[in-house]
Amino acid sequence: MAERVASWRDREALGALLAGMVAVLGLPPDPLPLPMIVGLAVLIRLVETAAPRRGAWLGFCFGLGHFSLGQAWLWNSLHTFGGLPAPAAIGLMLGLAAILALYPALFGAVLPRLAGRPWLLPLAAPALWVVTEWLRAHLLSGFPWNLAGYAWDGSLTMLQVADLGGVYLLSWLILFCAALVAVLARPAEWRQRVSWFVVIGLAAGTLGGGWFYGQWRLAGLREGIERDIWAAPVRMAIVQGNIPQKMKWDPAHQEEGLRRYLDLLADLANPVDLVVWPETAAAFFLQAAPRELRRIADASRGLGAPILTGAPMADRESEGSKEWLYFNSMVMVDAEEKGEFRNRYDKDHLVPFGEYIPFRALLPGNLQKLTHGTKDFSRGGEPEPMAWGHGAIGALICYEVIFPDEVRLLAVRGARWLINVTNDAWFGESAKPQHLAMARMRAVENRLPMIRVANTGISAMFDHLGRELGRIDPNQKGVLERTVTRGTGQSVWVRTGRYWIWLWLGLCLVGLALTRKSA
């Protein structure tokens, strides 16, 4: 008998692991809500009556499968470009997946305490899952990659719900459906006491409500653009240089890289108001390169438009100090630029181990970050929108765009454009569409156009409805010009985003109270 129980428990753990992998199939590049719903429904069904330790283990197995497969692109970062031996790279990938799996483990341990009766699952499970996603976005620097809500990326209509409660509300919709599926999957003796029509009706009503809301918002916002005289369109151009990662930081090729970006400007067919280059398109310190800076400024003069480019920057730690601080920056160069860099944004949310070593004082002195250079980057401080004559720019470098709450603060502070410069060549191919989907979500949440430029792709422009205006495909060099209307930065999410976590926690407490009452 004991052997049978152990065998069944092993199958449950394997089922949780496979369910986590199935859920990944619902994410970009081919987003489909159904695989995500099925995978999460299996997890809910496995943990809903489990003891805390057992539930935590099953949730951990789900997370291990989910994050190992969903972030397989880290192989490129760690092994191909990071130079780590294969065993070490695999170990680090599994280690990161195990850390992230602690959040589904928390879900598995706590859910049975909040849903002591099957009818409480649709109340407690979605709220608890969103709480764990919120924690994943904020704790230990945060890493909200591939939240469940991105499974809706294939539906422009459903994406509009994000302007109410952000991607977290879309995650709630996924989990609500998954919880209802888990209810229907319970043993027949329980199903005899509940009407399938009620459960299916709840799912259809909720999804239908989201769809009708999305259609209403799409129609209303399109009409609003047409009648708003102040929302004069702006002509923007993005340039994708497609410079290989191994060549990008080689001093012997830096001149070739700059020349490629300058030469691509000749492909512009129309006058533009702004040109955007990717993260570290200028792969050298502009402050120490007056000749190269003058060439960029001359190009700006010829275009009659500023050039916004990524570049590393360096400042003295203090006046008279011999110590330098290094920054991953975005600077606006115009015809009058002489090195003052009036419009400059220094990246605030840095990548642990990629741009700096956390707790460096406690770690071996020879431990170096994975990206180019031996020195850590420094944080730029509290982000503020970058001034521009056509509306303030919410500047976002690389993975800063994946943090919903941080991007929302830029909208609160007056941003009317979101511009994300990145170098996704550092990652594997599957990361590119995932990163792109997260950038698109920020446009819908904040009702701001998103201009995204990547060194090797995918570069694209989205309006504030999340509609793609054009793209440059991966591993291609090119220029894309589009006319874009600035956004309002006004949405329910922008105004109320900081309060939503209290709603999700409140629903969890309601589930706990009802569970205790029915015990």
Protein backbone atom coordinates (compact mmCIF):
# COMPACT_ATOMS: atom_id res chain seq x y z
CA MET A 1 0.00 0.00 0.00
CA ALA A 2 2.80 2.43 0.96
CA GLU A 3 4.49 1.72 -2.37
CA ARG A 4 1.27 2.54 -4.23
CA VAL A 5 0.91 5.85 -2.36
CA ALA A 6 4.53 6.77 -3.13
CA SER A 7 4.06 5.85 -6.78
CA TRP A 8 0.92 8.00 -7.00
CA ARG A 9 2.72 10.90 -5.36
CA ASP A 10 5.55 10.62 -7.90
CA ARG A 11 3.00 10.76 -10.71
CA GLU A 12 1.44 13.86 -9.17
CA ALA A 13 4.82 15.61 -9.06
CA LEU A 14 5.52 14.61 -12.66
CA GLY A 15 2.05 15.82 -13.64
CA ALA A 16 2.74 19.19 -12.02
CA LEU A 17 6.07 19.45 -13.83
CA LEU A 18 4.44 18.67 -17.19
CA ALA A 19 1.55 21.05 -16.46
CA GLY A 20 4.07 23.84 -16.00
CA MET A 21 5.58 23.04 -19.38
CA VAL A 22 2.16 22.91 -21.04
CA ALA A 23 1.38 26.37 -19.67
CA VAL A 24 4.46 27.75 -21.46
CA LEU A 25 2.84 26.79 -24.78
CA GLY A 26 0.29 29.54 -24.15
CA LEU A 27 2.91 32.30 -24.13
CA PRO A 28 4.48 34.26 -27.01
CA PRO A 29 5.67 33.79 -29.69
CA ASP A 30 2.41 31.89 -30.31
CA PRO A 31 0.16 33.02 -27.44
CA LEU A 32 -2.92 30.90 -26.78
CA PRO A 33 -4.95 31.13 -23.57
CA LEU A 34 -6.07 27.49 -23.71
CA PRO A 35 -2.72 25.76 -22.92
CA MET A 36 -2.13 28.25 -20.10
CA ILE A 37 -5.62 27.58 -18.68
CA VAL A 38 -5.18 23.80 -18.91
CA GLY A 39 -1.75 23.81 -17.26
CA LEU A 40 -2.93 26.02 -14.39
CA ALA A 41 -6.15 24.01 -13.97
CA VAL A 42 -4.06 20.87 -13.47
CA LEU A 43 -1.99 22.66 -10.83
CA ILE A 44 -5.09 23.89 -9.00
CA ARG A 45 -6.64 20.44 -9.08
CA LEU A 46 -3.46 18.87 -7.69
CA VAL A 47 -2.98 21.28 -4.78
CA GLU A 48 -6.52 22.24 -3.78
CA THR A 49 -6.79 19.60 -1.04
CA ALA A 50 -3.10 19.03 -0.34
CA ALA A 51 -1.34 19.58 2.96
CA PRO A 52 0.81 22.77 2.97
CA ARG A 53 4.12 20.96 2.48
CA ARG A 54 2.71 18.74 -0.26
CA GLY A 55 1.06 21.68 -1.99
CA ALA A 56 4.30 23.65 -1.88
CA TRP A 57 6.18 20.72 -3.45
CA LEU A 58 3.68 20.33 -6.27
CA GLY A 59 3.69 24.08 -6.90
CA PHE A 60 7.47 24.02 -6.96
CA CYS A 61 7.45 21.19 -9.53
CA PHE A 62 5.02 23.19 -11.69
CA GLY A 63 7.26 26.25 -11.47
CA LEU A 64 10.41 24.29 -12.22
CA GLY A 65 8.93 22.94 -15.44
CA HIS A 66 7.37 26.29 -16.34
CA PHE A 67 10.41 28.51 -15.84
CA SER A 68 12.99 26.02 -17.12
CA LEU A 69 11.23 25.74 -20.48
CA GLY A 70 9.96 29.32 -20.63
CA GLN A 71 13.42 30.79 -20.07
CA ALA A 72 15.53 28.36 -22.08
CA TRP A 73 16.81 31.40 -23.98
CA LEU A 74 19.14 32.07 -21.02
CA TRP A 75 21.47 29.49 -22.56
CA ASN A 76 22.56 32.19 -25.01
CA SER A 77 23.24 34.69 -22.22
CA LEU A 78 25.12 32.32 -19.96
CA HIS A 79 26.97 29.99 -22.32
CA THR A 80 27.16 31.43 -25.83
CA PHE A 81 27.99 35.01 -24.82
CA GLY A 82 28.62 34.72 -21.09
CA GLY A 83 31.34 32.16 -21.64
CA LEU A 84 30.23 29.82 -18.85
CA PRO A 85 30.95 26.10 -19.33
CA ALA A 86 27.88 24.10 -20.31
CA PRO A 87 27.44 22.38 -16.91
CA ALA A 88 27.68 25.71 -15.08
CA ALA A 89 25.23 27.38 -17.48
CA ILE A 90 22.71 24.56 -17.08
CA GLY A 91 23.14 24.69 -13.31
CA LEU A 92 22.48 28.44 -13.21
CA MET A 93 19.44 28.11 -15.48
CA LEU A 94 17.96 25.44 -13.22
CA GLY A 95 18.92 27.49 -10.17
CA LEU A 96 17.05 30.56 -11.44
CA ALA A 97 14.06 28.38 -12.37
CA ALA A 98 14.11 26.92 -8.84
CA ILE A 99 14.12 30.41 -7.28
CA LEU A 100 11.20 31.54 -9.45
CA ALA A 101 9.41 28.25 -8.68
CA LEU A 102 9.13 29.39 -5.07
CA TYR A 103 6.22 31.62 -6.09
CA PRO A 104 4.06 28.76 -7.47
CA ALA A 105 5.19 26.82 -4.37
CA LEU A 106 3.69 29.58 -2.21
CA PHE A 107 0.51 29.33 -4.27
CA GLY A 108 0.35 25.56 -3.75
CA ALA A 109 0.94 25.82 0.00
CA VAL A 110 -1.63 28.55 0.67
CA LEU A 111 -4.48 27.79 -1.75
CA PRO A 112 -6.06 24.95 0.31
CA ARG A 113 -6.24 27.31 3.30
CA LEU A 114 -8.18 29.87 1.21
CA ALA A 115 -10.46 27.49 -0.67
CA GLY A 116 -11.69 24.89 1.79
CA ARG A 117 -14.70 24.22 -0.43
CA PRO A 118 -14.69 23.71 -4.21
CA TRP A 119 -16.97 26.69 -4.83
CA LEU A 120 -14.32 28.97 -3.30
CA LEU A 121 -11.68 28.09 -5.92
CA PRO A 122 -12.81 30.72 -8.49
CA LEU A 123 -12.65 33.34 -5.73
CA ALA A 124 -9.37 32.45 -4.06
CA ALA A 125 -7.14 30.87 -6.73
CA PRO A 126 -7.04 33.81 -9.21
CA ALA A 127 -6.45 36.39 -6.47
CA LEU A 128 -3.72 34.33 -4.81
CA TRP A 129 -1.93 33.69 -8.11
CA VAL A 130 -1.92 37.42 -8.92
CA VAL A 131 -0.49 38.14 -5.47
CA THR A 132 2.39 35.73 -6.22
CA GLU A 133 2.96 37.43 -9.59
CA TRP A 134 3.03 40.83 -7.90
CA LEU A 135 5.59 39.53 -5.41
CA ARG A 136 7.68 38.13 -8.26
CA ALA A 137 7.68 41.60 -9.85
CA HIS A 138 8.91 43.30 -6.67
CA LEU A 139 11.01 41.02 -4.46
CA LEU A 140 14.78 40.59 -4.88
CA SER A 141 14.97 43.14 -7.71
CA GLY A 142 11.95 41.47 -9.36
CA PHE A 143 11.62 39.42 -12.53
CA PRO A 144 8.04 39.49 -13.89
CA TRP A 145 8.92 37.70 -17.13
CA ASN A 146 6.10 35.73 -18.78
CA LEU A 147 3.24 36.50 -16.42
CA ALA A 148 0.13 34.45 -17.16
CA GLY A 149 -1.71 37.46 -18.63
CA TYR A 150 0.60 37.56 -21.65
CA ALA A 151 -1.28 34.54 -22.99
CA TRP A 152 -3.82 37.11 -24.24
CA ASP A 153 -1.23 38.81 -26.48
CA GLY A 154 -2.82 37.28 -29.58
CA SER A 155 -6.12 39.11 -28.97
CA LEU A 156 -6.02 42.90 -29.39
CA THR A 157 -9.57 43.06 -28.03
CA MET A 158 -8.83 41.23 -24.78
CA LEU A 159 -5.61 43.21 -24.30
CA GLN A 160 -7.70 46.36 -23.77
CA VAL A 161 -8.72 45.03 -20.35
CA ALA A 162 -5.16 45.86 -19.24
CA ASP A 163 -6.01 49.56 -19.06
CA LEU A 164 -8.19 48.70 -16.05
CA GLY A 165 -5.90 46.55 -13.92
CA GLY A 166 -2.75 45.99 -15.92
CA VAL A 167 -1.41 42.63 -17.02
CA TYR A 168 -2.32 41.37 -13.54
CA LEU A 169 -6.03 41.64 -14.37
CA LEU A 170 -5.45 39.60 -17.52
CA SER A 171 -3.66 37.01 -15.37
CA TRP A 172 -6.71 36.99 -13.10
CA LEU A 173 -8.92 36.21 -16.11
CA ILE A 174 -6.71 33.26 -17.06
CA LEU A 175 -6.74 31.92 -13.50
CA PHE A 176 -10.47 32.43 -13.12
CA CYS A 177 -11.05 30.21 -16.14
CA ALA A 178 -8.49 27.69 -14.88
CA ALA A 179 -10.22 27.53 -11.49
CA LEU A 180 -13.58 26.88 -13.15
CA VAL A 181 -12.03 24.07 -15.21
CA ALA A 182 -10.61 22.62 -11.99
CA VAL A 183 -14.08 22.71 -10.44
CA LEU A 184 -15.52 20.81 -13.40
CA ALA A 185 -12.73 18.24 -13.12
CA ARG A 186 -13.62 17.27 -9.58
CA PRO A 187 -15.05 13.80 -8.76
CA ALA A 188 -18.51 13.00 -10.11
CA GLU A 189 -20.15 12.95 -6.68
CA TRP A 190 -19.33 16.63 -6.23
CA ARG A 191 -20.33 17.59 -9.78
CA GLN A 192 -23.79 16.15 -9.11
CA ARG A 193 -24.33 19.00 -6.63
CA VAL A 194 -23.37 21.80 -9.00
CA SER A 195 -24.74 22.76 -12.36
CA TRP A 196 -22.30 22.67 -15.25
CA PHE A 197 -24.36 25.45 -16.75
CA VAL A 198 -23.56 27.75 -13.84
CA VAL A 199 -19.81 27.14 -14.10
CA ILE A 200 -19.70 27.44 -17.88
CA GLY A 201 -21.96 30.48 -17.70
CA LEU A 202 -19.58 32.20 -15.29
CA ALA A 203 -16.65 31.59 -17.64
CA ALA A 204 -18.56 32.72 -20.72
CA GLY A 205 -19.95 35.78 -18.95
CA THR A 206 -16.55 36.88 -17.64
CA LEU A 207 -14.74 36.38 -20.92
CA GLY A 208 -17.65 37.90 -22.83
CA GLY A 209 -17.56 40.94 -20.57
CA GLY A 210 -13.85 41.37 -21.22
CA TRP A 211 -14.38 41.03 -24.96
CA PHE A 212 -17.20 43.59 -25.08
CA TYR A 213 -15.17 45.99 -22.95
CA GLY A 214 -12.25 45.62 -25.34
CA GLN A 215 -14.43 46.29 -28.39
CA TRP A 216 -15.94 49.35 -26.70
CA ARG A 217 -12.52 50.75 -25.79
CA LEU A 218 -11.11 50.15 -29.26
CA ALA A 219 -14.00 51.95 -30.91
CA GLY A 220 -13.98 54.86 -28.46
CA LEU A 221 -10.24 55.47 -28.53
CA ARG A 222 -10.07 55.37 -32.31
CA GLU A 223 -12.83 57.99 -32.48
CA GLY A 224 -11.08 60.07 -29.83
CA ILE A 225 -7.85 60.24 -31.84
CA GLU A 226 -9.69 61.45 -34.92
CA ARG A 227 -11.34 64.36 -33.11
CA ASP A 228 -8.47 65.44 -30.82
CA ILE A 229 -6.76 68.35 -32.58
CA TRP A 230 -4.03 68.56 -29.93
CA ALA A 231 -2.91 65.02 -30.69
CA ALA A 232 -0.92 66.04 -33.76
CA PRO A 233 0.88 63.04 -35.24
CA VAL A 234 4.67 62.82 -35.09
CA ARG A 235 6.93 61.17 -37.67
CA MET A 236 9.35 58.76 -36.02
CA ALA A 237 12.09 56.54 -37.39
CA ILE A 238 13.75 53.56 -35.73
CA VAL A 239 17.03 52.04 -36.90
CA GLN A 240 18.02 48.40 -36.38
CA GLY A 241 21.74 47.91 -37.05
CA ASN A 242 21.79 44.10 -36.58
CA ILE A 243 25.36 44.12 -35.30
CA PRO A 244 26.41 40.66 -33.99
CA GLN A 245 26.91 40.56 -30.23
CA LYS A 246 30.49 39.28 -30.48
CA MET A 247 31.39 42.14 -32.81
CA LYS A 248 29.51 44.89 -31.01
CA TRP A 249 32.04 45.51 -28.21
CA ASP A 250 35.19 44.71 -30.16
CA PRO A 251 37.16 48.01 -30.40
CA ALA A 252 38.30 47.00 -33.87
CA HIS A 253 34.67 47.07 -35.06
CA GLN A 254 33.31 50.11 -33.19
CA GLU A 255 33.90 52.45 -36.12
CA GLU A 256 32.15 49.99 -38.41
CA GLY A 257 29.18 49.83 -36.03
CA LEU A 258 28.76 53.61 -35.86
CA ARG A 259 29.15 53.93 -39.60
CA ARG A 260 26.42 51.35 -40.15
CA TYR A 261 23.93 53.36 -38.10
CA LEU A 262 24.89 56.62 -39.83
CA ASP A 263 24.68 55.00 -43.27
CA LEU A 264 21.22 53.57 -42.56
CA LEU A 265 19.93 57.12 -42.05
CA ALA A 266 20.27 57.58 -45.81
CA ASP A 267 17.36 55.17 -46.22
CA LEU A 268 14.92 57.62 -44.61
CA ALA A 269 12.38 58.55 -47.25
CA ASN A 270 10.64 61.43 -45.46
CA PRO A 271 11.41 64.18 -42.95
CA VAL A 272 11.12 62.90 -39.39
CA ASP A 273 10.78 64.43 -35.93
CA LEU A 274 12.89 61.87 -34.05
CA VAL A 275 15.29 59.04 -34.87
CA VAL A 276 15.84 56.27 -32.30
CA TRP A 277 18.83 53.91 -32.16
CA PRO A 278 19.02 50.82 -29.90
CA GLU A 279 20.66 50.25 -26.52
CA THR A 280 24.41 51.02 -26.68
CA ALA A 281 24.20 51.63 -30.42
CA ALA A 282 27.12 53.94 -29.64
CA ALA A 283 29.27 51.19 -28.11
CA PHE A 284 31.76 53.63 -26.59
CA PHE A 285 31.77 56.50 -24.09
CA LEU A 286 30.41 59.52 -25.95
CA GLN A 287 32.02 61.86 -23.41
CA ALA A 288 35.43 60.58 -24.47
CA ALA A 289 34.68 60.54 -28.20
CA PRO A 290 34.16 64.15 -29.39
CA ARG A 291 34.78 63.26 -33.04
CA GLU A 292 32.14 60.51 -33.05
CA LEU A 293 29.72 62.74 -31.14
CA ARG A 294 30.20 65.48 -33.73
CA ARG A 295 29.40 62.99 -36.53
CA ILE A 296 26.12 62.06 -34.82
CA ALA A 297 25.31 65.74 -34.28
CA ASP A 298 26.05 66.47 -37.96
CA ALA A 299 23.69 63.65 -38.94
CA SER A 300 21.03 65.19 -36.70
CA ARG A 301 21.56 68.55 -38.40
CA GLY A 302 21.14 66.97 -41.82
CA LEU A 303 17.90 65.29 -40.77
CA GLY A 304 16.53 68.29 -38.91
CA ALA A 305 15.67 65.94 -36.05
CA PRO A 306 17.39 64.75 -32.85
CA ILE A 307 18.84 61.26 -32.59
CA LEU A 308 18.03 59.32 -29.42
CA THR A 309 20.64 56.63 -28.86
CA GLY A 310 21.77 54.21 -26.21
CA ALA A 311 25.36 54.67 -25.01
CA PRO A 312 27.49 53.95 -21.94
CA MET A 313 28.28 57.05 -19.86
CA ALA A 314 30.69 57.82 -17.03
CA ASP A 315 30.72 60.47 -14.29
CA ARG A 316 33.04 61.25 -11.44
CA GLU A 317 31.73 59.83 -8.16
CA SER A 318 32.03 63.35 -6.72
CA GLU A 319 33.77 66.57 -7.64
CA GLY A 320 37.50 66.04 -7.49
CA SER A 321 37.14 62.28 -6.99
CA LYS A 322 39.33 59.84 -8.88
CA GLU A 323 36.58 57.21 -8.83
CA TRP A 324 34.20 56.84 -11.75
CA LEU A 325 30.59 55.72 -11.89
CA TYR A 326 29.41 53.99 -15.06
CA PHE A 327 25.89 54.11 -16.48
CA ASN A 328 23.87 52.39 -19.16
CA SER A 329 22.25 55.46 -20.68
CA MET A 330 20.00 56.90 -23.33
CA VAL A 331 20.97 60.35 -24.67
CA MET A 332 19.37 62.72 -27.15
CA VAL A 333 21.89 64.20 -29.58
CA ASP A 334 20.91 67.17 -31.70
CA ALA A 335 22.72 69.58 -34.02
CA GLU A 336 23.78 71.77 -31.11
CA GLU A 337 25.10 68.94 -28.90
CA LYS A 338 28.60 69.72 -27.67
CA GLY A 339 28.90 67.16 -24.90
CA GLU A 340 26.64 68.61 -22.22
CA PHE A 341 23.99 65.91 -22.81
CA ARG A 342 21.07 67.97 -21.56
CA ASN A 343 18.64 65.15 -22.37
CA ARG A 344 20.03 62.02 -20.76
CA TYR A 345 18.48 59.08 -18.94
CA ASP A 346 20.57 56.67 -16.88
CA LYS A 347 19.10 53.21 -16.45
CA ASP A 348 17.66 52.72 -12.96
CA HIS A 349 16.58 49.06 -12.83
CA LEU A 350 19.74 47.12 -13.57
CA VAL A 351 20.03 43.41 -14.41
CA PRO A 352 21.57 41.44 -11.51
CA PHE A 353 24.79 39.68 -12.58
CA GLY A 354 24.36 41.15 -16.06
CA GLU A 355 25.00 44.82 -15.24
CA TYR A 356 26.10 44.61 -11.62
CA ILE A 357 26.94 42.01 -8.97
CA PRO A 358 24.51 42.11 -6.01
CA PHE A 359 26.07 42.00 -2.54
CA ARG A 360 29.48 42.39 -4.17
CA ALA A 361 31.19 43.02 -0.82
CA LEU A 362 30.15 39.53 0.34
CA LEU A 363 31.23 37.69 -2.81
CA PRO A 364 34.67 36.73 -4.21
CA GLY A 365 36.49 39.70 -5.66
CA ASN A 366 37.18 37.95 -8.97
CA LEU A 367 33.47 37.38 -9.70
CA GLN A 368 32.56 39.41 -12.78
CA LYS A 369 29.26 40.28 -14.41
CA LEU A 370 28.28 38.43 -17.56
CA THR A 371 28.12 41.42 -19.89
CA HIS A 372 31.00 43.36 -21.43
CA GLY A 373 33.31 45.25 -19.09
CA THR A 374 34.72 44.56 -15.65
CA LYS A 375 33.08 47.47 -13.80
CA ASP A 376 29.55 47.41 -12.44
CA PHE A 377 27.00 49.86 -13.78
CA SER A 378 25.46 52.25 -11.26
CA ARG A 379 21.77 53.04 -10.87
CA GLY A 380 20.60 56.27 -12.39
CA GLY A 381 18.24 57.27 -9.61
CA GLU A 382 14.51 57.99 -9.63
CA PRO A 383 13.32 57.88 -13.27
CA GLU A 384 11.73 61.01 -14.69
CA PRO A 385 10.36 61.50 -18.21
CA MET A 386 12.81 62.98 -20.70
CA ALA A 387 11.87 66.40 -22.03
CA TRP A 388 11.03 66.68 -25.73
CA GLY A 389 9.14 69.31 -27.69
CA HIS A 390 6.45 66.86 -28.83
CA GLY A 391 5.75 65.48 -25.36
CA ALA A 392 7.77 63.98 -22.53
CA ILE A 393 9.41 60.60 -23.23
CA GLY A 394 9.24 57.70 -20.80
CA ALA A 395 12.69 56.22 -21.40
CA LEU A 396 13.11 52.48 -20.79
CA ILE A 397 16.34 50.58 -21.32
CA CYS A 398 16.21 46.83 -21.99
CA TYR A 399 14.19 44.87 -19.46
CA GLU A 400 12.92 47.93 -17.58
CA VAL A 401 9.91 47.62 -19.88
CA ILE A 402 8.78 44.35 -18.22
CA PHE A 403 7.91 46.04 -14.90
CA PRO A 404 4.26 47.21 -15.01
CA ASP A 405 4.33 49.37 -11.90
CA GLU A 406 7.54 51.18 -12.83
CA VAL A 407 6.33 52.04 -16.33
CA ARG A 408 3.03 53.25 -14.84
CA LEU A 409 4.95 55.78 -12.73
CA LEU A 410 6.36 57.34 -15.92
CA ALA A 411 2.80 57.88 -17.16
CA VAL A 412 1.83 59.38 -13.79
CA ARG A 413 4.78 61.77 -14.11
CA GLY A 414 3.67 63.06 -17.48
CA ALA A 415 5.19 60.80 -20.15
CA ARG A 416 3.37 60.93 -23.48
CA TRP A 417 5.61 58.44 -25.28
CA LEU A 418 7.27 55.22 -24.20
CA ILE A 419 10.60 54.50 -25.89
CA ASN A 420 12.31 51.20 -25.15
CA VAL A 421 15.85 50.66 -26.45
CA THR A 422 17.30 47.20 -25.99
CA ASN A 423 19.91 44.72 -27.17
CA ASP A 424 18.14 41.37 -27.30
CA ALA A 425 21.06 39.83 -29.18
CA TRP A 426 22.28 38.90 -25.70
CA PHE A 427 19.36 36.48 -25.39
CA GLY A 428 18.07 33.56 -27.42
CA GLU A 429 15.59 33.89 -30.27
CA SER A 430 12.57 32.86 -28.19
CA ALA A 431 13.14 35.79 -25.82
CA LYS A 432 12.65 38.37 -28.58
CA PRO A 433 8.88 37.91 -29.16
CA GLN A 434 8.33 37.49 -25.41
CA HIS A 435 10.08 40.78 -24.69
CA LEU A 436 8.15 42.45 -27.52
CA ALA A 437 4.81 41.27 -26.09
CA MET A 438 5.65 42.83 -22.72
CA ALA A 439 6.50 46.14 -24.38
CA ARG A 440 3.19 46.07 -26.23
CA MET A 441 1.32 45.43 -22.98
CA ARG A 442 2.83 48.59 -21.44
CA ALA A 443 1.38 50.62 -24.33
CA VAL A 444 -2.15 49.37 -23.64
CA GLU A 445 -1.91 49.64 -19.85
CA ASN A 446 -0.81 53.27 -19.94
CA ARG A 447 -2.48 54.40 -23.19
CA LEU A 448 0.86 55.53 -24.54
CA PRO A 449 2.51 54.63 -27.86
CA MET A 450 5.49 52.31 -27.53
CA ILE A 451 8.53 52.84 -29.76
CA ARG A 452 10.83 49.84 -29.36
CA VAL A 453 14.26 49.54 -30.96
CA ALA A 454 16.46 46.45 -30.64
CA ASN A 455 19.96 45.93 -32.01
CA THR A 456 19.13 42.62 -33.72
CA GLY A 457 15.32 42.82 -33.44
CA ILE A 458 12.49 42.70 -32.97
CA SER A 459 12.09 46.48 -33.44
CA ALA A 460 8.52 47.73 -33.68
CA MET A 461 6.11 50.59 -33.08
CA PHE A 462 2.75 50.30 -31.33
CA ASP A 463 0.08 52.93 -30.87
CA HIS A 464 -1.69 53.41 -27.54
CA LEU A 465 -4.25 50.76 -28.50
CA GLY A 466 -1.50 48.18 -28.82
CA ARG A 467 -1.86 48.03 -32.61
CA GLU A 468 1.40 47.23 -34.37
CA LEU A 469 2.25 50.02 -36.78
CA GLY A 470 5.23 48.22 -38.27
CA ARG A 471 8.26 46.13 -37.38
CA ILE A 472 11.77 45.17 -38.46
CA ASP A 473 12.13 41.40 -38.27
CA PRO A 474 14.84 39.70 -36.20
CA ASN A 475 18.41 39.55 -37.51
CA GLN A 476 17.79 42.13 -40.23
CA LYS A 477 19.20 45.61 -40.58
CA GLY A 478 16.85 48.37 -41.62
CA VAL A 479 14.91 51.53 -40.95
CA LEU A 480 11.23 51.88 -40.14
CA GLU A 481 9.32 55.18 -40.42
CA ARG A 482 5.83 55.68 -39.10
CA THR A 483 3.49 58.50 -38.17
CA VAL A 484 2.47 58.09 -34.52
CA THR A 485 -0.01 60.02 -32.40
CA ARG A 486 1.08 60.74 -28.86
CA GLY A 487 -0.85 59.18 -26.01
CA THR A 488 -2.81 60.65 -23.15
CA GLY A 489 -1.26 58.56 -20.38
CA GLN A 490 -4.75 58.34 -18.91
CA SER A 491 -6.27 55.01 -17.88
CA VAL A 492 -7.79 53.39 -14.83
CA TRP A 493 -4.52 51.48 -14.39
CA VAL A 494 -2.46 54.70 -14.40
CA ARG A 495 -4.71 56.27 -11.77
CA THR A 496 -5.30 53.26 -9.52
CA GLY A 497 -2.51 50.75 -10.23
CA ARG A 498 -0.94 51.01 -6.77
CA TYR A 499 -4.22 49.99 -5.08
CA TRP A 500 -4.96 46.79 -7.01
CA ILE A 501 -2.72 44.62 -4.84
CA TRP A 502 -4.99 45.42 -1.88
CA LEU A 503 -7.99 44.13 -3.84
CA TRP A 504 -6.23 40.85 -4.57
CA LEU A 505 -5.14 40.48 -0.94
CA GLY A 506 -8.67 41.33 0.18
CA LEU A 507 -10.15 38.57 -1.98
CA CYS A 508 -7.66 36.12 -0.46
CA LEU A 509 -8.79 37.13 3.03
CA VAL A 510 -12.45 36.71 2.03
CA GLY A 511 -11.63 33.18 0.87
CA LEU A 512 -9.87 32.48 4.18
CA ALA A 513 -12.83 33.78 6.19
CA LEU A 514 -15.39 31.77 4.20
CA THR A 515 -13.25 28.64 4.48
CA ARG A 516 -13.09 28.94 8.26
CA LYS A 517 -16.80 29.66 8.47
CA SER A 518 -17.69 26.56 6.45
CA ALA A 519 -15.30 24.31 8.34
